[in-house]
Amino acid sequence: MAETKASQSGRGQFGPDDWIHAAQRVLESRSIDAVRVEVLAKEMGVTKGSFYWHFKDRDDLLRRMLAAWRDEATEQIIFRFESRGLSARELIRDLLTLPFRGASAKEAAATELAIRAWARRDESARSVLDEVDAKRLAYITQCFRALGFSASEARSRAFALYSYELSESLLSHQGTDKEKSDRRAFMERLLLTPLGGSKQA
């Protein structure tokens, strides 16, 4: 009877998004192996039974966690960029600043690095990660195409920009703020300047 009351209380206090965010925090600080119902329930101060108001099982949580990350880290970001009405050149400059946007950027990077580690071991995570990488690269490629670069060169420049963003996230403690700003400015010049003999409209 006490279990039922606790479960009902947990159901009222926490929704599925709260469980997903708790799972992301555990994933970041430990590993995917630690993302378990009993661990999350303890972190959230509720019973394990309350978990099952929202999820069928652990696999259901993991699927929905990946879907939430895909939406937050790709779909929503692209939508926000598109809704601002920036030019392609402005979009590329803005994309280069993503790794430096304070606490939110650090948290997003921690989540992404943890998911990439998970994807090395799990096919479902790998599939979502591949989808996210492909969509981001396609969007960045589209920006370079809008500047008149050929399809081949736009893809290469998009890959270089994306690799730079991932590297800054991975090596976030390397360099002073001034050095990071210099790197970003260098990448901007490199990516937006046509190479000798390259075709740009």
Protein backbone atom coordinates (compact mmCIF):
# COMPACT_ATOMS: atom_id res chain seq x y z
CA MET A 1 0.00 0.00 0.00
CA ALA A 2 2.86 2.38 0.88
CA GLU A 3 4.45 1.51 -2.47
CA THR A 4 1.27 2.50 -4.31
CA LYS A 5 1.04 5.86 -2.54
CA ALA A 6 4.70 6.59 -3.20
CA SER A 7 4.25 5.64 -6.82
CA GLN A 8 1.28 7.96 -7.17
CA SER A 9 3.29 10.74 -5.52
CA GLY A 10 6.20 10.15 -7.90
CA ARG A 11 3.82 10.19 -10.81
CA GLY A 12 2.46 13.57 -9.76
CA GLN A 13 5.84 15.14 -9.06
CA PHE A 14 7.79 13.96 -12.10
CA GLY A 15 6.85 13.59 -15.74
CA PRO A 16 8.67 11.63 -18.45
CA ASP A 17 10.89 14.60 -19.30
CA ASP A 18 12.18 14.66 -15.70
CA TRP A 19 13.17 11.00 -15.95
CA ILE A 20 14.84 11.62 -19.29
CA HIS A 21 16.82 14.57 -17.94
CA ALA A 22 17.85 12.55 -14.90
CA ALA A 23 18.99 9.77 -17.23
CA GLN A 24 21.03 12.26 -19.24
CA ARG A 25 22.75 13.54 -16.10
CA VAL A 26 23.67 10.01 -15.04
CA LEU A 27 24.88 9.24 -18.57
CA GLU A 28 27.11 12.33 -18.52
CA SER A 29 28.57 11.75 -15.06
CA ARG A 30 28.95 7.96 -15.23
CA SER A 31 28.06 5.86 -18.26
CA ILE A 32 25.14 4.21 -20.01
CA ASP A 33 25.57 1.19 -17.73
CA ALA A 34 24.58 3.38 -14.76
CA VAL A 35 21.35 4.53 -16.41
CA ARG A 36 19.10 2.11 -14.55
CA VAL A 37 15.69 2.50 -12.99
CA GLU A 38 16.88 1.98 -9.41
CA VAL A 39 19.72 4.49 -9.84
CA LEU A 40 17.43 7.15 -11.31
CA ALA A 41 14.74 6.59 -8.69
CA LYS A 42 17.32 7.10 -5.94
CA GLU A 43 18.65 10.25 -7.62
CA MET A 44 15.12 11.64 -7.91
CA GLY A 45 13.97 10.53 -4.47
CA VAL A 46 11.04 8.42 -5.66
CA THR A 47 10.19 4.74 -5.84
CA LYS A 48 11.04 2.53 -8.79
CA GLY A 49 7.32 1.95 -9.26
CA SER A 50 6.77 5.57 -10.26
CA PHE A 51 9.03 5.03 -13.27
CA TYR A 52 6.52 2.64 -14.81
CA TRP A 53 3.79 5.28 -14.96
CA HIS A 54 5.74 6.78 -17.84
CA PHE A 55 7.90 4.06 -19.40
CA LYS A 56 7.36 0.46 -20.38
CA ASP A 57 10.88 -0.55 -19.34
CA ARG A 58 14.50 0.63 -19.38
CA ASP A 59 14.78 0.14 -23.14
CA ASP A 60 11.78 2.42 -23.61
CA LEU A 61 13.54 5.10 -21.54
CA LEU A 62 16.73 4.75 -23.58
CA ARG A 63 14.83 5.03 -26.88
CA ARG A 64 13.02 8.14 -25.71
CA MET A 65 16.19 9.63 -24.29
CA LEU A 66 17.87 9.30 -27.69
CA ALA A 67 14.80 10.76 -29.43
CA ALA A 68 14.78 13.72 -27.02
CA TRP A 69 18.48 14.36 -27.60
CA ARG A 70 18.03 14.16 -31.37
CA ASP A 71 15.22 16.72 -31.19
CA GLU A 72 16.95 19.11 -28.75
CA ALA A 73 20.42 18.92 -30.27
CA THR A 74 19.44 19.06 -33.95
CA GLU A 75 15.83 19.76 -34.85
CA GLN A 76 15.31 22.57 -32.35
CA ILE A 77 18.69 24.18 -33.04
CA ILE A 78 18.12 24.20 -36.80
CA PHE A 79 14.64 25.63 -36.28
CA ARG A 80 16.04 28.42 -34.10
CA PHE A 81 18.69 29.26 -36.69
CA GLU A 82 16.15 29.25 -39.52
CA SER A 83 13.65 31.42 -37.63
CA ARG A 84 16.22 34.21 -37.17
CA GLY A 85 16.34 35.06 -40.86
CA LEU A 86 20.13 35.21 -41.08
CA SER A 87 22.09 35.08 -44.32
CA ALA A 88 24.14 31.96 -45.07
CA ARG A 89 27.35 33.81 -44.16
CA GLU A 90 25.85 34.94 -40.85
CA LEU A 91 24.63 31.42 -40.13
CA ILE A 92 28.10 29.99 -40.61
CA ARG A 93 29.60 32.62 -38.32
CA ASP A 94 26.94 31.85 -35.73
CA LEU A 95 27.53 28.10 -36.01
CA LEU A 96 31.19 28.67 -35.23
CA THR A 97 30.23 30.21 -31.87
CA LEU A 98 28.14 27.26 -30.65
CA PRO A 99 30.94 25.65 -28.56
CA PHE A 100 31.45 28.90 -26.63
CA ARG A 101 27.97 29.65 -25.34
CA GLY A 102 28.63 29.29 -21.64
CA ALA A 103 27.13 26.68 -19.34
CA SER A 104 24.52 25.54 -21.84
CA ALA A 105 27.22 24.74 -24.41
CA LYS A 106 29.24 22.81 -21.82
CA GLU A 107 26.21 20.79 -20.78
CA ALA A 108 25.27 20.05 -24.39
CA ALA A 109 28.85 18.97 -25.12
CA ALA A 110 28.93 16.68 -22.07
CA THR A 111 25.70 15.01 -23.17
CA GLU A 112 26.89 14.59 -26.74
CA LEU A 113 30.28 13.16 -25.79
CA ALA A 114 28.54 10.66 -23.49
CA ILE A 115 26.16 9.64 -26.28
CA ARG A 116 29.07 9.21 -28.69
CA ALA A 117 30.76 6.92 -26.16
CA TRP A 118 27.51 4.98 -25.82
CA ALA A 119 27.17 4.73 -29.61
CA ARG A 120 30.49 2.89 -29.83
CA ARG A 121 28.86 0.00 -27.98
CA ASP A 122 25.19 0.14 -28.97
CA GLU A 123 23.65 -0.09 -32.44
CA SER A 124 20.51 1.88 -31.54
CA ALA A 125 22.56 4.79 -30.22
CA ARG A 126 24.85 4.56 -33.25
CA SER A 127 21.88 4.74 -35.61
CA VAL A 128 20.52 7.91 -33.98
CA LEU A 129 23.98 9.46 -33.84
CA ASP A 130 24.57 8.75 -37.53
CA GLU A 131 21.22 10.35 -38.32
CA VAL A 132 22.08 13.45 -36.28
CA ASP A 133 25.54 13.79 -37.84
CA ALA A 134 24.10 13.43 -41.34
CA LYS A 135 21.36 16.01 -40.75
CA ARG A 136 23.75 18.55 -39.23
CA LEU A 137 26.26 18.10 -42.04
CA ALA A 138 23.51 18.44 -44.64
CA TYR A 139 22.34 21.69 -43.06
CA ILE A 140 25.85 23.16 -42.92
CA THR A 141 26.49 22.03 -46.50
CA GLN A 142 23.34 23.84 -47.55
CA CYS A 143 24.74 27.04 -46.01
CA PHE A 144 27.94 26.79 -48.02
CA ARG A 145 26.01 25.97 -51.18
CA ALA A 146 24.01 29.16 -50.64
CA LEU A 147 27.32 31.05 -50.75
CA GLY A 148 28.02 29.60 -54.20
CA PHE A 149 30.50 26.84 -53.40
CA SER A 150 30.32 23.70 -55.51
CA ALA A 151 28.55 20.69 -54.01
CA SER A 152 31.85 18.89 -53.40
CA GLU A 153 33.56 21.87 -51.80
CA ALA A 154 30.48 22.73 -49.74
CA ARG A 155 30.49 19.20 -48.29
CA SER A 156 34.20 19.44 -47.45
CA ARG A 157 33.82 22.84 -45.81
CA ALA A 158 30.80 21.60 -43.85
CA PHE A 159 32.81 18.63 -42.62
CA ALA A 160 35.67 20.93 -41.59
CA LEU A 161 33.31 23.24 -39.69
CA TYR A 162 31.58 20.33 -37.97
CA SER A 163 34.89 18.71 -37.04
CA TYR A 164 36.07 22.01 -35.60
CA GLU A 165 32.96 22.29 -33.41
CA LEU A 166 33.38 18.75 -32.10
CA SER A 167 37.08 19.36 -31.44
CA GLU A 168 36.39 22.54 -29.47
CA SER A 169 33.88 20.60 -27.36
CA LEU A 170 36.31 17.75 -26.79
CA LEU A 171 39.28 20.05 -26.08
CA SER A 172 37.36 22.74 -24.22
CA HIS A 173 40.17 23.27 -21.69
CA GLN A 174 42.84 23.86 -24.30
CA GLY A 175 43.85 27.50 -24.61
CA THR A 176 42.86 30.81 -23.09
CA ASP A 177 39.70 32.67 -24.09
CA LYS A 178 41.85 34.78 -26.40
CA GLU A 179 43.34 31.69 -28.06
CA LYS A 180 39.89 30.18 -28.52
CA SER A 181 38.66 33.41 -30.08
CA ASP A 182 41.68 33.43 -32.39
CA ARG A 183 40.99 29.84 -33.44
CA ARG A 184 37.37 30.65 -34.18
CA ALA A 185 38.34 33.73 -36.23
CA PHE A 186 40.93 31.68 -38.14
CA MET A 187 38.33 29.00 -38.97
CA GLU A 188 35.90 31.67 -40.14
CA ARG A 189 38.48 33.10 -42.56
CA LEU A 190 39.50 29.64 -43.71
CA LEU A 191 35.96 28.41 -44.32
CA LEU A 192 34.56 31.52 -45.98
CA THR A 193 37.50 32.26 -48.26
CA PRO A 194 37.50 30.45 -51.63
CA LEU A 195 40.59 28.38 -52.31
CA GLY A 196 42.70 29.24 -55.33
CA GLY A 197 40.96 27.81 -58.37
CA SER A 198 37.79 26.87 -56.49
CA LYS A 199 34.46 27.83 -57.96
CA GLN A 200 32.15 30.14 -56.09
CA ALA A 201 29.25 32.09 -57.54
